[in-house]
Amino acid sequence: MDTPSLGLFGPADGPEGPPVCSGKGCRRPAVWVLVWNNPKLHTPDRRKTWLACEDHREHLSQFLGVRGFLKEVVALDAFEG
């Protein structure tokens, strides 16, 4: 039996469809990966991710940035997490 290959955030053609934005209530396709880390909770090498559509990239980046959590923003198709 063949096991289906999974993408970074699950199967693109699966029942949940392609990766979607992490913005509250947003169901738009994600095009950005916001890589972050909360230094009070995570070791320096630990990285967490949020996904963002074009409309929510700036807002989510600012939310993480003002807290000192944002490490980088990478296009989803270029992300090697």
Foldseek 3Di string as FASTA:
>chain_A
DDDDDADPVGNCPDPLHADAFPPVPGRHHFFKKFWWDQVVPDDPVDIDIGTHDPVCPVVVCVVCVVNVTTDDMDTPVPDDD
